[in-house]
Amino acid sequence: MVTALEVPADKLIERLAQYLKNRVPEVKPPTWAFMVKTGAHKERVPQDPDWWYYRAASILRKLYKSSEPIGIETFRTIYGGRKNYGVAPEHFVKGSGSIIRKILQQLEKANLVIKIPGKGRIISPAGRALLDRLAFDILKEMARENPELAKYLPPSQRAKIVR
């Protein structure tokens, strides 16, 4: 079976963001999301109007990769960056915790994430199944373009691709 770690991350995150936008009504940007930066290290707000869904998809993939619960502070560190202080040296600053917290709460409502009190969050079986299903679809599309990848598909699917 194909897992979410066996396909390119950019394709999976893009497909997952579109899925969240079109099929998961619990995940939607708040009214203030179009006026805020994603962290103190950024100079401007995101240019992509769908950035909320891409961040949610990225968080889901990171939870999929992790074998232990991840908390908001860890996500803040992951999404942080270097802040430009002008002539003074740059330093690392964490990303916005409010954005991450709201996205995780929305993913919990959608039953894609499970909260473990005092430790953080993990991906739910439904979330894991969603990512695996999307990864399988991506691999099928990639196998149509590059038949050498068909060997990673189950025999029943492989026969459809080779024809």
Protein backbone atom coordinates (compact mmCIF):
# COMPACT_ATOMS: atom_id res chain seq x y z
CA MET A 1 0.00 0.00 0.00
CA VAL A 2 1.16 3.50 -0.84
CA THR A 3 1.77 5.86 2.07
CA ALA A 4 1.86 9.65 2.16
CA LEU A 5 5.65 9.57 2.57
CA GLU A 6 6.19 7.86 -0.78
CA VAL A 7 4.93 10.70 -2.97
CA PRO A 8 6.37 14.20 -3.43
CA ALA A 9 5.39 16.45 -0.53
CA ASP A 10 4.49 19.41 -2.73
CA LYS A 11 1.99 17.41 -4.78
CA LEU A 12 0.45 15.84 -1.69
CA ILE A 13 0.10 19.17 0.13
CA GLU A 14 -1.42 20.83 -2.93
CA ARG A 15 -3.95 18.01 -3.42
CA LEU A 16 -4.75 17.92 0.30
CA ALA A 17 -5.25 21.71 0.41
CA GLN A 18 -7.74 21.50 -2.46
CA TYR A 19 -9.51 18.62 -0.72
CA LEU A 20 -9.77 20.58 2.54
CA LYS A 21 -11.05 23.65 0.71
CA ASN A 22 -13.72 21.84 -1.32
CA ARG A 23 -14.83 18.94 0.90
CA VAL A 24 -14.17 19.75 4.56
CA PRO A 25 -16.48 22.57 5.71
CA GLU A 26 -14.96 22.67 9.22
CA VAL A 27 -11.65 23.98 7.82
CA LYS A 28 -12.05 27.55 6.68
CA PRO A 29 -10.06 30.72 7.29
CA PRO A 30 -11.40 33.15 9.92
CA THR A 31 -12.29 36.66 8.84
CA TRP A 32 -9.00 38.01 10.16
CA ALA A 33 -6.85 35.50 8.22
CA PHE A 34 -6.43 37.77 5.19
CA MET A 35 -5.02 40.64 7.26
CA VAL A 36 -2.35 38.86 9.34
CA LYS A 37 1.22 37.80 8.81
CA THR A 38 2.14 34.18 9.50
CA GLY A 39 4.84 35.22 11.95
CA ALA A 40 6.84 38.15 13.30
CA HIS A 41 9.65 37.32 10.86
CA LYS A 42 7.47 38.02 7.82
CA GLU A 43 7.18 41.47 6.29
CA ARG A 44 3.84 41.03 4.52
CA VAL A 45 0.66 38.98 4.60
CA PRO A 46 0.58 35.86 2.38
CA GLN A 47 -0.10 36.56 -1.30
CA ASP A 48 -1.97 33.29 -1.92
CA PRO A 49 -5.65 33.59 -0.92
CA ASP A 50 -5.70 29.83 -0.15
CA TRP A 51 -2.73 29.95 2.24
CA TRP A 52 -4.89 28.79 5.18
CA TYR A 53 -5.65 25.48 3.46
CA TYR A 54 -2.02 24.96 2.46
CA ARG A 55 -0.88 25.52 6.06
CA ALA A 56 -3.54 23.09 7.30
CA ALA A 57 -2.39 20.50 4.75
CA SER A 58 1.23 21.01 5.77
CA ILE A 59 0.35 20.56 9.44
CA LEU A 60 -1.54 17.35 8.66
CA ARG A 61 1.43 15.97 6.74
CA LYS A 62 3.81 16.83 9.58
CA LEU A 63 1.51 15.04 12.04
CA TYR A 64 1.48 12.05 9.67
CA LYS A 65 5.28 11.94 9.63
CA SER A 66 5.64 12.20 13.41
CA SER A 67 5.46 9.10 15.58
CA GLU A 68 4.74 11.09 18.75
CA PRO A 69 2.40 14.00 19.60
CA ILE A 70 3.37 17.47 18.41
CA GLY A 71 2.40 20.58 20.38
CA ILE A 72 1.75 24.13 19.29
CA GLU A 73 5.17 25.37 20.43
CA THR A 74 6.89 22.78 18.25
CA PHE A 75 4.78 23.87 15.28
CA ARG A 76 5.66 27.50 16.06
CA THR A 77 9.32 26.55 15.83
CA ILE A 78 8.78 24.62 12.59
CA TYR A 79 7.01 27.56 10.93
CA GLY A 80 9.33 30.23 12.34
CA GLY A 81 12.18 31.98 10.54
CA ARG A 82 14.89 34.59 10.68
CA LYS A 83 13.78 38.14 11.46
CA ASN A 84 15.52 41.03 9.78
CA TYR A 85 16.46 43.72 12.32
CA GLY A 86 17.95 46.12 9.80
CA VAL A 87 21.61 46.77 10.59
CA ALA A 88 21.52 44.52 13.67
CA PRO A 89 22.11 40.77 13.27
CA GLU A 90 19.17 38.54 12.35
CA HIS A 91 17.71 36.16 14.93
CA PHE A 92 15.28 33.28 14.80
CA VAL A 93 11.71 33.99 15.88
CA LYS A 94 8.79 31.58 16.14
CA GLY A 95 5.76 31.60 13.87
CA SER A 96 2.25 32.61 14.86
CA GLY A 97 0.72 30.38 17.50
CA SER A 98 -2.82 31.65 16.95
CA ILE A 99 -2.89 30.49 13.34
CA ILE A 100 -1.58 27.04 14.25
CA ARG A 101 -3.97 26.71 17.20
CA LYS A 102 -7.02 27.64 15.11
CA ILE A 103 -6.04 25.24 12.31
CA LEU A 104 -5.52 22.39 14.77
CA GLN A 105 -8.90 23.11 16.38
CA GLN A 106 -10.57 23.03 12.97
CA LEU A 107 -8.84 19.76 12.07
CA GLU A 108 -10.04 18.32 15.39
CA LYS A 109 -13.62 19.29 14.53
CA ALA A 110 -13.19 17.53 11.17
CA ASN A 111 -11.98 14.39 13.04
CA LEU A 112 -8.62 14.43 11.24
CA VAL A 113 -6.57 15.15 14.39
CA ILE A 114 -6.77 13.85 17.96
CA LYS A 115 -5.73 15.96 20.97
CA ILE A 116 -3.75 14.27 23.72
CA PRO A 117 -3.98 16.52 26.80
CA GLY A 118 -0.61 17.73 28.02
CA LYS A 119 1.33 16.24 25.10
CA GLY A 120 0.03 17.63 21.83
CA ARG A 121 -1.83 16.28 18.85
CA ILE A 122 -1.60 13.21 16.65
CA ILE A 123 -3.24 12.35 13.37
CA SER A 124 -6.43 10.31 13.63
CA PRO A 125 -7.03 7.08 11.71
CA ALA A 126 -9.43 9.00 9.44
CA GLY A 127 -6.72 11.59 8.74
CA ARG A 128 -4.14 8.90 8.04
CA ALA A 129 -6.56 7.15 5.66
CA LEU A 130 -7.25 10.43 3.85
CA LEU A 131 -3.56 11.13 3.28
CA ASP A 132 -2.91 7.56 2.13
CA ARG A 133 -5.85 7.69 -0.28
CA LEU A 134 -4.65 10.98 -1.78
CA ALA A 135 -1.10 9.61 -2.02
CA PHE A 136 -2.41 6.56 -3.88
CA ASP A 137 -4.24 8.81 -6.37
CA ILE A 138 -1.11 10.90 -6.89
CA LEU A 139 1.02 7.81 -7.49
CA LYS A 140 -1.52 6.50 -10.04
CA GLU A 141 -1.30 9.80 -11.94
CA MET A 142 2.48 9.76 -11.77
CA ALA A 143 2.53 6.15 -13.03
CA ARG A 144 0.51 7.18 -16.09
CA GLU A 145 3.18 9.73 -16.95
CA ASN A 146 6.10 7.49 -15.98
CA PRO A 147 5.28 3.76 -16.38
CA GLU A 148 8.34 2.75 -14.32
CA LEU A 149 6.47 3.88 -11.19
CA ALA A 150 3.68 1.37 -11.83
CA LYS A 151 5.66 -1.31 -9.97
CA TYR A 152 4.76 0.44 -6.69
CA LEU A 153 1.03 -0.02 -7.32
CA PRO A 154 -1.00 -3.13 -6.46
CA PRO A 155 -1.23 -5.67 -9.33
CA SER A 156 -4.88 -4.85 -10.06
CA GLN A 157 -4.08 -1.14 -10.52
CA ARG A 158 -0.81 -1.87 -12.32
CA ALA A 159 -2.66 -3.72 -15.09
CA LYS A 160 -4.87 -0.69 -15.75
CA ILE A 161 -1.87 1.63 -16.05
CA VAL A 162 0.20 -0.59 -18.38
CA ARG A 163 -2.58 -0.86 -20.99
